[in-house]
Amino acid sequence: METVVAIDPGSEKTGIAVVTAPDCLREKRIVRTEEAADVVAALLTAYSVRVIVIGDGTRSADYRQRLETIPAVQSAAVRVVTVDERHTTEMAVARYWRCRPPRGWRRWIPTGWQTPPVPVDDYAAWVLAEKYFGKANPEPLPYLMKD
């Protein structure tokens, strides 16, 4: 089974997800963008990853240059693949609400009218990984934490 590190790059924060094909989320997090290359490098080693998936949005060209500083990428042991980032934010918000449904009185308000209380960049990275694996309409999947 192939494992990828997916990245939703941003100017201040970056969403990162580790996903094993076809549908197992191993880890996800949001980090400060200046720390992201170091976090990705550590995840490449921890999960024996050979592919980094990155969204093709606004920050992707700048971010690819940051990834080139990682020794495994420089040596071509890990390849960087760009994935279409259109609608990933909307899919990430929908995924967030499916994974963490509103509680209390908020459960009576349609989630389409609500804003998640936290950033969803990590969910967007998760969606990007699923797009890489060919899932046309990513659905919520089991969340498995690394022991």
C-alpha atoms as a PDB file:
ATOM      1  CA  MET A   1       0.000   0.000   0.000  1.00  0.00           C
ATOM      2  CA  GLU A   2       1.255   3.437  -0.931  1.00  0.00           C
ATOM      3  CA  THR A   3       1.474   6.178   1.683  1.00  0.00           C
ATOM      4  CA  VAL A   4       1.619   9.863   0.772  1.00  0.00           C
ATOM      5  CA  VAL A   5       2.143  13.111   2.617  1.00  0.00           C
ATOM      6  CA  ALA A   6      -0.385  15.638   1.317  1.00  0.00           C
ATOM      7  CA  ILE A   7       0.097  19.364   1.747  1.00  0.00           C
ATOM      8  CA  ASP A   8      -2.389  22.210   1.531  1.00  0.00           C
ATOM      9  CA  PRO A   9       0.023  25.165   1.420  1.00  0.00           C
ATOM     10  CA  GLY A  10      -0.874  28.532   2.858  1.00  0.00           C
ATOM     11  CA  SER A  11       0.883  31.791   3.552  1.00  0.00           C
ATOM     12  CA  GLU A  12       0.710  31.512   7.359  1.00  0.00           C
ATOM     13  CA  LYS A  13      -0.469  27.962   8.069  1.00  0.00           C
ATOM     14  CA  THR A  14      -0.191  24.706   6.168  1.00  0.00           C
ATOM     15  CA  GLY A  15      -2.371  21.628   6.360  1.00  0.00           C
ATOM     16  CA  ILE A  16      -0.573  18.287   6.288  1.00  0.00           C
ATOM     17  CA  ALA A  17      -2.074  14.794   6.105  1.00  0.00           C
ATOM     18  CA  VAL A  18      -0.501  11.344   5.915  1.00  0.00           C
ATOM     19  CA  VAL A  19      -2.778   8.973   3.994  1.00  0.00           C
ATOM     20  CA  THR A  20      -2.277   5.325   3.037  1.00  0.00           C
ATOM     21  CA  ALA A  21      -4.055   4.047  -0.067  1.00  0.00           C
ATOM     22  CA  PRO A  22      -6.806   3.555  -0.607  1.00  0.00           C
ATOM     23  CA  ASP A  23      -8.514   5.235   2.331  1.00  0.00           C
ATOM     24  CA  CYS A  24      -6.654   5.317   5.632  1.00  0.00           C
ATOM     25  CA  LEU A  25      -5.850   8.630   7.259  1.00  0.00           C
ATOM     26  CA  ARG A  26      -2.823   8.071   9.482  1.00  0.00           C
ATOM     27  CA  GLU A  27      -2.209  11.582  10.750  1.00  0.00           C
ATOM     28  CA  LYS A  28      -3.213  15.165  10.053  1.00  0.00           C
ATOM     29  CA  ARG A  29      -2.204  18.503  11.456  1.00  0.00           C
ATOM     30  CA  ILE A  30      -1.864  22.209  10.820  1.00  0.00           C
ATOM     31  CA  VAL A  31       1.552  23.805  11.224  1.00  0.00           C
ATOM     32  CA  ARG A  32       3.062  27.219  10.675  1.00  0.00           C
ATOM     33  CA  THR A  33       4.222  27.468   7.073  1.00  0.00           C
ATOM     34  CA  GLU A  34       7.826  28.233   8.008  1.00  0.00           C
ATOM     35  CA  GLU A  35       7.957  24.955   9.997  1.00  0.00           C
ATOM     36  CA  ALA A  36       6.187  22.797   7.421  1.00  0.00           C
ATOM     37  CA  ALA A  37       9.240  21.583   5.464  1.00  0.00           C
ATOM     38  CA  ASP A  38      10.794  20.232   8.671  1.00  0.00           C
ATOM     39  CA  VAL A  39       7.539  18.523   9.649  1.00  0.00           C
ATOM     40  CA  VAL A  40       7.201  16.990   6.175  1.00  0.00           C
ATOM     41  CA  ALA A  41      10.805  15.741   6.296  1.00  0.00           C
ATOM     42  CA  ALA A  42      10.110  14.022   9.629  1.00  0.00           C
ATOM     43  CA  LEU A  43       6.892  12.443   8.297  1.00  0.00           C
ATOM     44  CA  LEU A  44       8.698  11.133   5.203  1.00  0.00           C
ATOM     45  CA  THR A  45      11.005   9.176   7.480  1.00  0.00           C
ATOM     46  CA  ALA A  46       8.391   8.116  10.032  1.00  0.00           C
ATOM     47  CA  TYR A  47       6.049   6.635   7.416  1.00  0.00           C
ATOM     48  CA  SER A  48       8.550   5.633   4.665  1.00  0.00           C
ATOM     49  CA  VAL A  49       6.808   7.925   2.192  1.00  0.00           C
ATOM     50  CA  ARG A  50       7.887   8.128  -1.456  1.00  0.00           C
ATOM     51  CA  VAL A  51       5.334  10.704  -2.705  1.00  0.00           C
ATOM     52  CA  ILE A  52       4.448  14.215  -1.565  1.00  0.00           C
ATOM     53  CA  VAL A  53       1.118  15.510  -2.877  1.00  0.00           C
ATOM     54  CA  ILE A  54       0.659  19.269  -3.019  1.00  0.00           C
ATOM     55  CA  GLY A  55      -2.275  21.385  -4.114  1.00  0.00           C
ATOM     56  CA  ASP A  56      -1.773  23.486  -7.242  1.00  0.00           C
ATOM     57  CA  GLY A  57      -3.159  26.668  -5.676  1.00  0.00           C
ATOM     58  CA  THR A  58      -1.670  30.082  -5.113  1.00  0.00           C
ATOM     59  CA  ARG A  59       1.242  29.094  -2.871  1.00  0.00           C
ATOM     60  CA  SER A  60       2.236  25.852  -4.572  1.00  0.00           C
ATOM     61  CA  ALA A  61       5.170  27.130  -6.687  1.00  0.00           C
ATOM     62  CA  ASP A  62       6.769  28.813  -3.671  1.00  0.00           C
ATOM     63  CA  TYR A  63       6.103  25.756  -1.559  1.00  0.00           C
ATOM     64  CA  ARG A  64       7.653  23.361  -4.065  1.00  0.00           C
ATOM     65  CA  GLN A  65      10.882  25.356  -3.717  1.00  0.00           C
ATOM     66  CA  ARG A  66      10.744  24.830   0.063  1.00  0.00           C
ATOM     67  CA  LEU A  67      10.286  21.101  -0.474  1.00  0.00           C
ATOM     68  CA  GLU A  68      13.399  21.017  -2.661  1.00  0.00           C
ATOM     69  CA  THR A  69      15.437  21.704   0.512  1.00  0.00           C
ATOM     70  CA  ILE A  70      14.464  18.285   1.912  1.00  0.00           C
ATOM     71  CA  PRO A  71      17.321  15.822   1.247  1.00  0.00           C
ATOM     72  CA  ALA A  72      14.984  12.979   0.195  1.00  0.00           C
ATOM     73  CA  VAL A  73      13.408  15.235  -2.431  1.00  0.00           C
ATOM     74  CA  GLN A  74      16.805  16.463  -3.627  1.00  0.00           C
ATOM     75  CA  SER A  75      18.001  12.880  -4.098  1.00  0.00           C
ATOM     76  CA  ALA A  76      14.811  11.975  -6.021  1.00  0.00           C
ATOM     77  CA  ALA A  77      13.950   9.281  -3.455  1.00  0.00           C
ATOM     78  CA  VAL A  78      10.672  11.162  -2.946  1.00  0.00           C
ATOM     79  CA  ARG A  79       8.759  12.732  -5.795  1.00  0.00           C
ATOM     80  CA  VAL A  80       6.473  15.758  -5.572  1.00  0.00           C
ATOM     81  CA  VAL A  81       3.125  15.504  -7.370  1.00  0.00           C
ATOM     82  CA  THR A  82       0.761  18.419  -7.944  1.00  0.00           C
ATOM     83  CA  VAL A  83      -3.006  17.828  -7.615  1.00  0.00           C
ATOM     84  CA  ASP A  84      -5.921  20.027  -8.673  1.00  0.00           C
ATOM     85  CA  GLU A  85      -6.913  22.081  -5.641  1.00  0.00           C
ATOM     86  CA  ARG A  86     -10.270  23.357  -6.908  1.00  0.00           C
ATOM     87  CA  HIS A  87     -13.106  22.994  -4.384  1.00  0.00           C
ATOM     88  CA  THR A  88     -10.907  21.354  -1.739  1.00  0.00           C
ATOM     89  CA  THR A  89     -11.814  23.991   0.837  1.00  0.00           C
ATOM     90  CA  GLU A  90     -15.524  23.323   0.369  1.00  0.00           C
ATOM     91  CA  MET A  91     -14.907  19.566   0.541  1.00  0.00           C
ATOM     92  CA  ALA A  92     -12.760  20.071   3.637  1.00  0.00           C
ATOM     93  CA  VAL A  93     -15.514  22.030   5.408  1.00  0.00           C
ATOM     94  CA  ALA A  94     -18.072  19.354   4.505  1.00  0.00           C
ATOM     95  CA  ARG A  95     -15.657  16.639   5.714  1.00  0.00           C
ATOM     96  CA  TYR A  96     -15.092  18.532   8.972  1.00  0.00           C
ATOM     97  CA  TRP A  97     -18.824  18.649   9.708  1.00  0.00           C
ATOM     98  CA  ARG A  98     -19.275  14.950   8.835  1.00  0.00           C
ATOM     99  CA  CYS A  99     -16.415  14.010  11.164  1.00  0.00           C
ATOM    100  CA  ARG A 100     -17.352  16.475  13.901  1.00  0.00           C
ATOM    101  CA  PRO A 101     -21.109  17.122  13.766  1.00  0.00           C
ATOM    102  CA  PRO A 102     -22.377  20.183  15.617  1.00  0.00           C
ATOM    103  CA  ARG A 103     -23.693  19.605  19.120  1.00  0.00           C
ATOM    104  CA  GLY A 104     -26.262  21.266  21.298  1.00  0.00           C
ATOM    105  CA  TRP A 105     -28.473  23.866  19.682  1.00  0.00           C
ATOM    106  CA  ARG A 106     -26.048  24.150  16.706  1.00  0.00           C
ATOM    107  CA  ARG A 107     -27.092  20.703  15.476  1.00  0.00           C
ATOM    108  CA  TRP A 108     -30.410  22.239  14.386  1.00  0.00           C
ATOM    109  CA  ILE A 109     -28.691  24.752  12.085  1.00  0.00           C
ATOM    110  CA  PRO A 110     -27.681  23.392   8.659  1.00  0.00           C
ATOM    111  CA  THR A 111     -23.904  22.989   8.517  1.00  0.00           C
ATOM    112  CA  GLY A 112     -23.898  24.862   5.216  1.00  0.00           C
ATOM    113  CA  TRP A 113     -24.817  27.954   7.217  1.00  0.00           C
ATOM    114  CA  GLN A 114     -22.087  27.433   9.813  1.00  0.00           C
ATOM    115  CA  THR A 115     -18.360  28.075   9.827  1.00  0.00           C
ATOM    116  CA  PRO A 116     -16.107  25.504  11.486  1.00  0.00           C
ATOM    117  CA  PRO A 117     -14.670  26.825  14.768  1.00  0.00           C
ATOM    118  CA  VAL A 118     -11.126  25.830  13.710  1.00  0.00           C
ATOM    119  CA  PRO A 119      -9.117  26.037  10.468  1.00  0.00           C
ATOM    120  CA  VAL A 120      -9.685  23.088   8.121  1.00  0.00           C
ATOM    121  CA  ASP A 121      -6.375  23.121   6.218  1.00  0.00           C
ATOM    122  CA  ASP A 122      -5.562  19.633   7.523  1.00  0.00           C
ATOM    123  CA  TYR A 123      -8.881  18.348   6.167  1.00  0.00           C
ATOM    124  CA  ALA A 124      -8.054  20.016   2.828  1.00  0.00           C
ATOM    125  CA  ALA A 125      -4.740  18.134   2.749  1.00  0.00           C
ATOM    126  CA  TRP A 126      -6.658  14.913   3.433  1.00  0.00           C
ATOM    127  CA  VAL A 127      -8.933  15.661   0.461  1.00  0.00           C
ATOM    128  CA  LEU A 128      -5.895  16.359  -1.756  1.00  0.00           C
ATOM    129  CA  ALA A 129      -4.468  12.939  -0.897  1.00  0.00           C
ATOM    130  CA  GLU A 130      -7.737  11.293  -1.830  1.00  0.00           C
ATOM    131  CA  LYS A 131      -7.773  13.178  -5.127  1.00  0.00           C
ATOM    132  CA  TYR A 132      -4.290  11.799  -5.782  1.00  0.00           C
ATOM    133  CA  PHE A 133      -5.569   8.278  -5.144  1.00  0.00           C
ATOM    134  CA  GLY A 134      -8.366   8.887  -7.655  1.00  0.00           C
ATOM    135  CA  LYS A 135     -11.344   9.378  -5.397  1.00  0.00           C
ATOM    136  CA  ALA A 136     -13.576  11.745  -7.375  1.00  0.00           C
ATOM    137  CA  ASN A 137     -15.767  12.719  -4.433  1.00  0.00           C
ATOM    138  CA  PRO A 138     -13.847  12.083  -1.197  1.00  0.00           C
ATOM    139  CA  GLU A 139     -16.006  10.842   1.660  1.00  0.00           C
ATOM    140  CA  PRO A 140     -15.170  10.656   5.382  1.00  0.00           C
ATOM    141  CA  LEU A 141     -12.883   7.766   6.194  1.00  0.00           C
ATOM    142  CA  PRO A 142     -11.589   6.125   9.356  1.00  0.00           C
ATOM    143  CA  TYR A 143      -9.081   8.242  11.225  1.00  0.00           C
ATOM    144  CA  LEU A 144      -6.202   6.141  12.539  1.00  0.00           C
ATOM    145  CA  MET A 145      -3.625   7.715  14.804  1.00  0.00           C
ATOM    146  CA  LYS A 146      -0.072   6.473  14.784  1.00  0.00           C
ATOM    147  CA  ASP A 147       0.708   4.546  17.974  1.00  0.00           C
END
